[in-house]
């Protein structure tokens, strides 16, 4: 499981670097479509990490919640 987390972390870092590079390239290109591509790239650069962070938080909360449900000593009604 630890290797899988490292692979996903590396893939996420590479994805962020590619998004930053594409944002820079779109900012420097003088093309009619460059403005729209730049806006999309900036939005993706902000939204993707935020959504991934939210996913990690929800997964952690659900994991802790399911572990508490399986605890035989937890008899709170």
PDB file of N, CA and C in Angstrom:
ATOM      1  N   UNK A   1       0.823  -1.194   0.000  1.00  0.00           N
ATOM      2  CA  UNK A   1       0.000   0.000   0.000  1.00  0.00           C
ATOM      3  C   UNK A   1       0.869   1.261   0.000  1.00  0.00           C
ATOM      4  N   UNK A   2       2.010   1.185   0.687  1.00  0.00           N
ATOM      5  CA  UNK A   2       2.890   2.342   0.762  1.00  0.00           C
ATOM      6  C   UNK A   2       3.491   2.669  -0.601  1.00  0.00           C
ATOM      7  N   UNK A   3       3.839   1.633  -1.382  1.00  0.00           N
ATOM      8  CA  UNK A   3       4.373   1.852  -2.723  1.00  0.00           C
ATOM      9  C   UNK A   3       3.326   2.496  -3.625  1.00  0.00           C
ATOM     10  N   UNK A   4       2.085   2.075  -3.477  1.00  0.00           N
ATOM     11  CA  UNK A   4       0.998   2.628  -4.278  1.00  0.00           C
ATOM     12  C   UNK A   4       0.804   4.112  -3.972  1.00  0.00           C
ATOM     13  N   UNK A   5       0.900   4.476  -2.708  1.00  0.00           N
ATOM     14  CA  UNK A   5       0.772   5.882  -2.327  1.00  0.00           C
ATOM     15  C   UNK A   5       1.908   6.704  -2.929  1.00  0.00           C
ATOM     16  N   UNK A   6       3.099   6.160  -2.923  1.00  0.00           N
ATOM     17  CA  UNK A   6       4.238   6.880  -3.499  1.00  0.00           C
ATOM     18  C   UNK A   6       4.084   7.056  -5.002  1.00  0.00           C
ATOM     19  N   UNK A   7       3.573   6.036  -5.673  1.00  0.00           N
ATOM     20  CA  UNK A   7       3.360   6.124  -7.117  1.00  0.00           C
ATOM     21  C   UNK A   7       2.319   7.185  -7.431  1.00  0.00           C
ATOM     22  N   UNK A   8       1.213   7.197  -6.672  1.00  0.00           N
ATOM     23  CA  UNK A   8       0.178   8.206  -6.890  1.00  0.00           C
ATOM     24  C   UNK A   8       0.694   9.607  -6.569  1.00  0.00           C
ATOM     25  N   UNK A   9       1.512   9.736  -5.540  1.00  0.00           N
ATOM     26  CA  UNK A   9       2.084  11.040  -5.197  1.00  0.00           C
ATOM     27  C   UNK A   9       3.002  11.535  -6.306  1.00  0.00           C
ATOM     28  N   UNK A  10       3.814  10.646  -6.857  1.00  0.00           N
ATOM     29  CA  UNK A  10       4.693  11.018  -7.960  1.00  0.00           C
ATOM     30  C   UNK A  10       3.893  11.393  -9.194  1.00  0.00           C
ATOM     31  N   UNK A  11       2.850  10.628  -9.491  1.00  0.00           N
ATOM     32  CA  UNK A  11       2.000  10.950 -10.644  1.00  0.00           C
ATOM     33  C   UNK A  11       1.314  12.299 -10.452  1.00  0.00           C
ATOM     34  N   UNK A  12       0.873  12.595  -9.239  1.00  0.00           N
ATOM     35  CA  UNK A  12       0.260  13.887  -8.959  1.00  0.00           C
ATOM     36  C   UNK A  12       1.243  15.030  -9.119  1.00  0.00           C
ATOM     37  N   UNK A  13       2.473  14.834  -8.673  1.00  0.00           N
ATOM     38  CA  UNK A  13       3.494  15.870  -8.821  1.00  0.00           C
ATOM     39  C   UNK A  13       3.812  16.122 -10.290  1.00  0.00           C
ATOM     40  N   UNK A  14       3.904  15.060 -11.068  1.00  0.00           N
ATOM     41  CA  UNK A  14       4.162  15.207 -12.501  1.00  0.00           C
ATOM     42  C   UNK A  14       2.986  15.920 -13.177  1.00  0.00           C
ATOM     43  N   UNK A  15       1.765  15.579 -12.790  1.00  0.00           N
ATOM     44  CA  UNK A  15       0.582  16.229 -13.348  1.00  0.00           C
ATOM     45  C   UNK A  15       0.581  17.728 -13.032  1.00  0.00           C
ATOM     46  N   UNK A  16       0.920  18.092 -11.802  1.00  0.00           N
ATOM     47  CA  UNK A  16       0.985  19.509 -11.441  1.00  0.00           C
ATOM     48  C   UNK A  16       2.059  20.248 -12.225  1.00  0.00           C
ATOM     49  N   UNK A  17       3.213  19.631 -12.388  1.00  0.00           N
ATOM     50  CA  UNK A  17       4.288  20.258 -13.163  1.00  0.00           C
ATOM     51  C   UNK A  17       3.849  20.471 -14.604  1.00  0.00           C
ATOM     52  N   UNK A  18       3.170  19.485 -15.183  1.00  0.00           N
ATOM     53  CA  UNK A  18       2.670  19.623 -16.557  1.00  0.00           C
ATOM     54  C   UNK A  18       1.617  20.728 -16.665  1.00  0.00           C
ATOM     55  N   UNK A  19       0.761  20.839 -15.660  1.00  0.00           N
ATOM     56  CA  UNK A  19      -0.248  21.903 -15.687  1.00  0.00           C
ATOM     57  C   UNK A  19       0.406  23.276 -15.571  1.00  0.00           C
ATOM     58  N   UNK A  20       1.422  23.411 -14.715  1.00  0.00           N
ATOM     59  CA  UNK A  20       2.124  24.686 -14.599  1.00  0.00           C
ATOM     60  C   UNK A  20       2.835  25.029 -15.905  1.00  0.00           C
ATOM     61  N   UNK A  21       3.462  24.042 -16.519  1.00  0.00           N
ATOM     62  CA  UNK A  21       4.159  24.268 -17.788  1.00  0.00           C
ATOM     63  C   UNK A  21       3.178  24.667 -18.887  1.00  0.00           C
ATOM     64  N   UNK A  22       2.036  23.991 -18.938  1.00  0.00           N
ATOM     65  CA  UNK A  22       1.057  24.342 -19.964  1.00  0.00           C
ATOM     66  C   UNK A  22       0.494  25.740 -19.733  1.00  0.00           C
ATOM     67  N   UNK A  23       0.318  26.137 -18.485  1.00  0.00           N
ATOM     68  CA  UNK A  23      -0.144  27.494 -18.181  1.00  0.00           C
ATOM     69  C   UNK A  23       0.866  28.520 -18.688  1.00  0.00           C
ATOM     70  N   UNK A  24       2.140  28.257 -18.466  1.00  0.00           N
ATOM     71  CA  UNK A  24       3.180  29.160 -18.949  1.00  0.00           C
ATOM     72  C   UNK A  24       3.198  29.230 -20.469  1.00  0.00           C
ATOM     73  N   UNK A  25       3.100  28.087 -21.116  1.00  0.00           N
ATOM     74  CA  UNK A  25       3.114  28.051 -22.576  1.00  0.00           C
ATOM     75  C   UNK A  25       1.907  28.790 -23.149  1.00  0.00           C
ATOM     76  N   UNK A  26       0.728  28.557 -22.582  1.00  0.00           N
ATOM     77  CA  UNK A  26      -0.472  29.227 -23.087  1.00  0.00           C
ATOM     78  C   UNK A  26      -0.415  30.737 -22.849  1.00  0.00           C
ATOM     79  N   UNK A  27       0.261  31.159 -21.785  1.00  0.00           N
ATOM     80  CA  UNK A  27       0.389  32.584 -21.521  1.00  0.00           C
ATOM     81  C   UNK A  27       1.316  33.258 -22.529  1.00  0.00           C
ATOM     82  N   UNK A  28       2.273  32.524 -23.059  1.00  0.00           N
ATOM     83  CA  UNK A  28       3.246  33.101 -23.988  1.00  0.00           C
ATOM     84  C   UNK A  28       2.849  32.980 -25.453  1.00  0.00           C
ATOM     85  N   UNK A  29       1.914  32.085 -25.774  1.00  0.00           N
ATOM     86  CA  UNK A  29       1.501  31.884 -27.161  1.00  0.00           C
ATOM     87  C   UNK A  29       0.579  33.021 -27.590  1.00  0.00           C
ATOM     88  N   UNK A  30       0.787  33.497 -28.794  1.00  0.00           N
ATOM     89  CA  UNK A  30      -0.085  34.540 -29.340  1.00  0.00           C
ATOM     90  C   UNK A  30      -0.987  33.899 -30.386  1.00  0.00           C
ATOM     91  N   UNK A  31      -2.114  33.390 -29.889  1.00  0.00           N
ATOM     92  CA  UNK A  31      -3.067  32.688 -30.738  1.00  0.00           C
ATOM     93  C   UNK A  31      -4.473  33.025 -30.256  1.00  0.00           C
ATOM     94  N   UNK A  32      -5.469  32.951 -31.153  1.00  0.00           N
ATOM     95  CA  UNK A  32      -6.843  33.252 -30.709  1.00  0.00           C
ATOM     96  C   UNK A  32      -7.354  32.287 -29.635  1.00  0.00           C
ATOM     97  N   UNK A  33      -6.939  31.048 -29.677  1.00  0.00           N
ATOM     98  CA  UNK A  33      -7.407  30.052 -28.714  1.00  0.00           C
ATOM     99  C   UNK A  33      -6.592  30.063 -27.423  1.00  0.00           C
ATOM    100  N   UNK A  34      -5.469  30.759 -27.411  1.00  0.00           N
ATOM    101  CA  UNK A  34      -4.577  30.733 -26.250  1.00  0.00           C
ATOM    102  C   UNK A  34      -5.244  31.323 -25.010  1.00  0.00           C
ATOM    103  N   UNK A  35      -6.048  32.324 -25.172  1.00  0.00           N
ATOM    104  CA  UNK A  35      -6.717  32.944 -24.023  1.00  0.00           C
ATOM    105  C   UNK A  35      -7.646  31.951 -23.323  1.00  0.00           C
ATOM    106  N   UNK A  36      -8.452  31.250 -24.102  1.00  0.00           N
ATOM    107  CA  UNK A  36      -9.358  30.257 -23.518  1.00  0.00           C
ATOM    108  C   UNK A  36      -8.596  29.084 -22.906  1.00  0.00           C
ATOM    109  N   UNK A  37      -7.539  28.653 -23.577  1.00  0.00           N
ATOM    110  CA  UNK A  37      -6.724  27.567 -23.038  1.00  0.00           C
ATOM    111  C   UNK A  37      -6.020  27.983 -21.750  1.00  0.00           C
ATOM    112  N   UNK A  38      -5.590  29.241 -21.682  1.00  0.00           N
ATOM    113  CA  UNK A  38      -4.954  29.741 -20.475  1.00  0.00           C
ATOM    114  C   UNK A  38      -5.939  29.744 -19.309  1.00  0.00           C
ATOM    115  N   UNK A  39      -7.160  30.197 -19.552  1.00  0.00           N
ATOM    116  CA  UNK A  39      -8.180  30.207 -18.503  1.00  0.00           C
ATOM    117  C   UNK A  39      -8.478  28.785 -18.025  1.00  0.00           C
ATOM    118  N   UNK A  40      -8.595  27.851 -18.944  1.00  0.00           N
ATOM    119  CA  UNK A  40      -8.862  26.461 -18.576  1.00  0.00           C
ATOM    120  C   UNK A  40      -7.689  25.863 -17.801  1.00  0.00           C
ATOM    121  N   UNK A  41      -6.494  26.195 -18.201  1.00  0.00           N
ATOM    122  CA  UNK A  41      -5.308  25.675 -17.525  1.00  0.00           C
ATOM    123  C   UNK A  41      -5.195  26.225 -16.106  1.00  0.00           C
ATOM    124  N   UNK A  42      -5.473  27.502 -15.926  1.00  0.00           N
ATOM    125  CA  UNK A  42      -5.433  28.088 -14.584  1.00  0.00           C
ATOM    126  C   UNK A  42      -6.512  27.471 -13.699  1.00  0.00           C
ATOM    127  N   UNK A  43      -7.704  27.274 -14.260  1.00  0.00           N
ATOM    128  CA  UNK A  43      -8.783  26.650 -13.481  1.00  0.00           C
ATOM    129  C   UNK A  43      -8.410  25.228 -13.072  1.00  0.00           C
ATOM    130  N   UNK A  44      -7.835  24.466 -13.986  1.00  0.00           N
ATOM    131  CA  UNK A  44      -7.435  23.095 -13.675  1.00  0.00           C
ATOM    132  C   UNK A  44      -6.318  23.075 -12.634  1.00  0.00           C
ATOM    133  N   UNK A  45      -5.405  24.028 -12.710  1.00  0.00           N
ATOM    134  CA  UNK A  45      -4.302  24.108 -11.758  1.00  0.00           C
ATOM    135  C   UNK A  45      -4.814  24.364 -10.345  1.00  0.00           C
ATOM    136  N   UNK A  46      -5.932  25.054 -10.233  1.00  0.00           N
ATOM    137  CA  UNK A  46      -6.507  25.327  -8.918  1.00  0.00           C
ATOM    138  C   UNK A  46      -7.463  24.220  -8.490  1.00  0.00           C
ATOM    139  N   UNK A  47      -8.343  23.802  -9.378  1.00  0.00           N
ATOM    140  CA  UNK A  47      -9.412  22.878  -9.004  1.00  0.00           C
ATOM    141  C   UNK A  47      -8.940  21.444  -8.757  1.00  0.00           C
ATOM    142  N   UNK A  48      -8.033  20.938  -9.557  1.00  0.00           N
ATOM    143  CA  UNK A  48      -7.608  19.542  -9.414  1.00  0.00           C
ATOM    144  C   UNK A  48      -6.967  19.278  -8.042  1.00  0.00           C
ATOM    145  N   UNK A  49      -6.013  20.084  -7.580  1.00  0.00           N
ATOM    146  CA  UNK A  49      -5.470  19.826  -6.233  1.00  0.00           C
ATOM    147  C   UNK A  49      -6.517  19.977  -5.122  1.00  0.00           C
ATOM    148  N   UNK A  50      -7.422  20.937  -5.270  1.00  0.00           N
ATOM    149  CA  UNK A  50      -8.461  21.118  -4.251  1.00  0.00           C
ATOM    150  C   UNK A  50      -9.378  19.894  -4.205  1.00  0.00           C
ATOM    151  N   UNK A  51      -9.782  19.397  -5.359  1.00  0.00           N
ATOM    152  CA  UNK A  51     -10.646  18.216  -5.395  1.00  0.00           C
ATOM    153  C   UNK A  51      -9.929  16.975  -4.870  1.00  0.00           C
ATOM    154  N   UNK A  52      -8.660  16.819  -5.189  1.00  0.00           N
ATOM    155  CA  UNK A  52      -7.895  15.685  -4.676  1.00  0.00           C
ATOM    156  C   UNK A  52      -7.755  15.764  -3.155  1.00  0.00           C
ATOM    157  N   UNK A  53      -7.533  16.958  -2.634  1.00  0.00           N
ATOM    158  CA  UNK A  53      -7.433  17.124  -1.186  1.00  0.00           C
ATOM    159  C   UNK A  53      -8.764  16.780  -0.514  1.00  0.00           C
ATOM    160  N   UNK A  54      -9.861  17.227  -1.114  1.00  0.00           N
ATOM    161  CA  UNK A  54     -11.185  16.909  -0.558  1.00  0.00           C
ATOM    162  C   UNK A  54     -11.428  15.402  -0.595  1.00  0.00           C
ATOM    163  N   UNK A  55     -11.035  14.754  -1.683  1.00  0.00           N
ATOM    164  CA  UNK A  55     -11.202  13.303  -1.794  1.00  0.00           C
ATOM    165  C   UNK A  55     -10.410  12.581  -0.703  1.00  0.00           C
ATOM    166  N   UNK A  56      -9.191  13.030  -0.441  1.00  0.00           N
ATOM    167  CA  UNK A  56      -8.369  12.403   0.589  1.00  0.00           C
ATOM    168  C   UNK A  56      -9.010  12.581   1.964  1.00  0.00           C
ATOM    169  N   UNK A  57      -9.532  13.779   2.239  1.00  0.00           N
ATOM    170  CA  UNK A  57     -10.187  14.016   3.526  1.00  0.00           C
ATOM    171  C   UNK A  57     -11.405  13.121   3.716  1.00  0.00           C
ATOM    172  N   UNK A  58     -12.236  13.020   2.684  1.00  0.00           N
ATOM    173  CA  UNK A  58     -13.439  12.190   2.776  1.00  0.00           C
ATOM    174  C   UNK A  58     -13.057  10.721   2.944  1.00  0.00           C
ATOM    175  N   UNK A  59     -12.069  10.259   2.196  1.00  0.00           N
ATOM    176  CA  UNK A  59     -11.633   8.864   2.313  1.00  0.00           C
ATOM    177  C   UNK A  59     -11.110   8.579   3.714  1.00  0.00           C
ATOM    178  N   UNK A  60     -10.363   9.502   4.279  1.00  0.00           N
ATOM    179  CA  UNK A  60      -9.829   9.322   5.634  1.00  0.00           C
ATOM    180  C   UNK A  60     -10.962   9.284   6.662  1.00  0.00           C
ATOM    181  N   UNK A  61     -11.943  10.173   6.507  1.00  0.00           N
ATOM    182  CA  UNK A  61     -13.070  10.186   7.439  1.00  0.00           C
ATOM    183  C   UNK A  61     -13.901   8.919   7.342  1.00  0.00           C
ATOM    184  N   UNK A  62     -14.145   8.456   6.128  1.00  0.00           N
ATOM    185  CA  UNK A  62     -14.929   7.236   5.947  1.00  0.00           C
ATOM    186  C   UNK A  62     -14.177   6.015   6.464  1.00  0.00           C
ATOM    187  N   UNK A  63     -12.868   5.996   6.310  1.00  0.00           N
ATOM    188  CA  UNK A  63     -12.071   4.880   6.810  1.00  0.00           C
ATOM    189  C   UNK A  63     -12.126   4.833   8.329  1.00  0.00           C
ATOM    190  N   UNK A  64     -11.969   5.990   8.970  1.00  0.00           N
ATOM    191  CA  UNK A  64     -12.048   6.046  10.435  1.00  0.00           C
ATOM    192  C   UNK A  64     -13.448   5.695  10.913  1.00  0.00           C
ATOM    193  N   UNK A  65     -14.458   6.115  10.190  1.00  0.00           N
ATOM    194  CA  UNK A  65     -15.836   5.823  10.576  1.00  0.00           C
ATOM    195  C   UNK A  65     -16.117   4.324  10.477  1.00  0.00           C
ATOM    196  N   UNK A  66     -15.648   3.677   9.418  1.00  0.00           N
ATOM    197  CA  UNK A  66     -15.898   2.240   9.259  1.00  0.00           C
ATOM    198  C   UNK A  66     -15.117   1.435  10.288  1.00  0.00           C
ATOM    199  N   UNK A  67     -13.925   1.892  10.665  1.00  0.00           N
ATOM    200  CA  UNK A  67     -13.156   1.194  11.703  1.00  0.00           C
ATOM    201  C   UNK A  67     -13.850   1.312  13.051  1.00  0.00           C
ATOM    202  N   UNK A  68     -14.492   2.436  13.330  1.00  0.00           N
ATOM    203  CA  UNK A  68     -15.212   2.602  14.592  1.00  0.00           C
ATOM    204  C   UNK A  68     -16.450   1.718  14.636  1.00  0.00           C
ATOM    205  N   UNK A  69     -17.105   1.493  13.498  1.00  0.00           N
ATOM    206  CA  UNK A  69     -18.286   0.648  13.457  1.00  0.00           C
ATOM    207  C   UNK A  69     -17.959  -0.822  13.720  1.00  0.00           C
ATOM    208  N   UNK A  70     -16.758  -1.255  13.354  1.00  0.00           N
ATOM    209  CA  UNK A  70     -16.367  -2.645  13.522  1.00  0.00           C
ATOM    210  C   UNK A  70     -15.805  -2.925  14.914  1.00  0.00           C
ATOM    211  N   UNK A  71     -15.605  -1.917  15.713  1.00  0.00           N
ATOM    212  CA  UNK A  71     -15.039  -2.075  17.058  1.00  0.00           C
ATOM    213  C   UNK A  71     -16.096  -2.699  17.980  1.00  0.00           C
ATOM    214  N   UNK A  72     -15.852  -3.907  18.507  1.00  0.00           N
ATOM    215  CA  UNK A  72     -16.863  -4.565  19.362  1.00  0.00           C
ATOM    216  C   UNK A  72     -17.050  -3.873  20.703  1.00  0.00           C
ATOM    217  N   UNK A  73     -16.066  -3.066  21.135  1.00  0.00           N
ATOM    218  CA  UNK A  73     -16.172  -2.393  22.410  1.00  0.00           C
ATOM    219  C   UNK A  73     -16.919  -1.058  22.309  1.00  0.00           C
ATOM    220  N   UNK A  74     -17.287  -0.683  21.108  1.00  0.00           N
ATOM    221  CA  UNK A  74     -17.983   0.585  20.885  1.00  0.00           C
ATOM    222  C   UNK A  74     -19.492   0.299  20.891  1.00  0.00           C
ATOM    223  N   UNK A  75     -20.111   0.376  22.055  1.00  0.00           N
ATOM    224  CA  UNK A  75     -21.529   0.052  22.199  1.00  0.00           C
ATOM    225  C   UNK A  75     -22.370   1.295  22.430  1.00  0.00           C
ATOM    226  N   UNK A  76     -21.977   2.405  21.886  1.00  0.00           N
ATOM    227  CA  UNK A  76     -22.727   3.653  22.063  1.00  0.00           C
ATOM    228  C   UNK A  76     -23.923   3.630  21.123  1.00  0.00           C
ATOM    229  N   UNK A  77     -25.108   3.879  21.656  1.00  0.00           N
ATOM    230  CA  UNK A  77     -26.320   3.898  20.841  1.00  0.00           C
ATOM    231  C   UNK A  77     -26.777   5.277  20.601  1.00  0.00           C
TER     232      UNK A  77
END
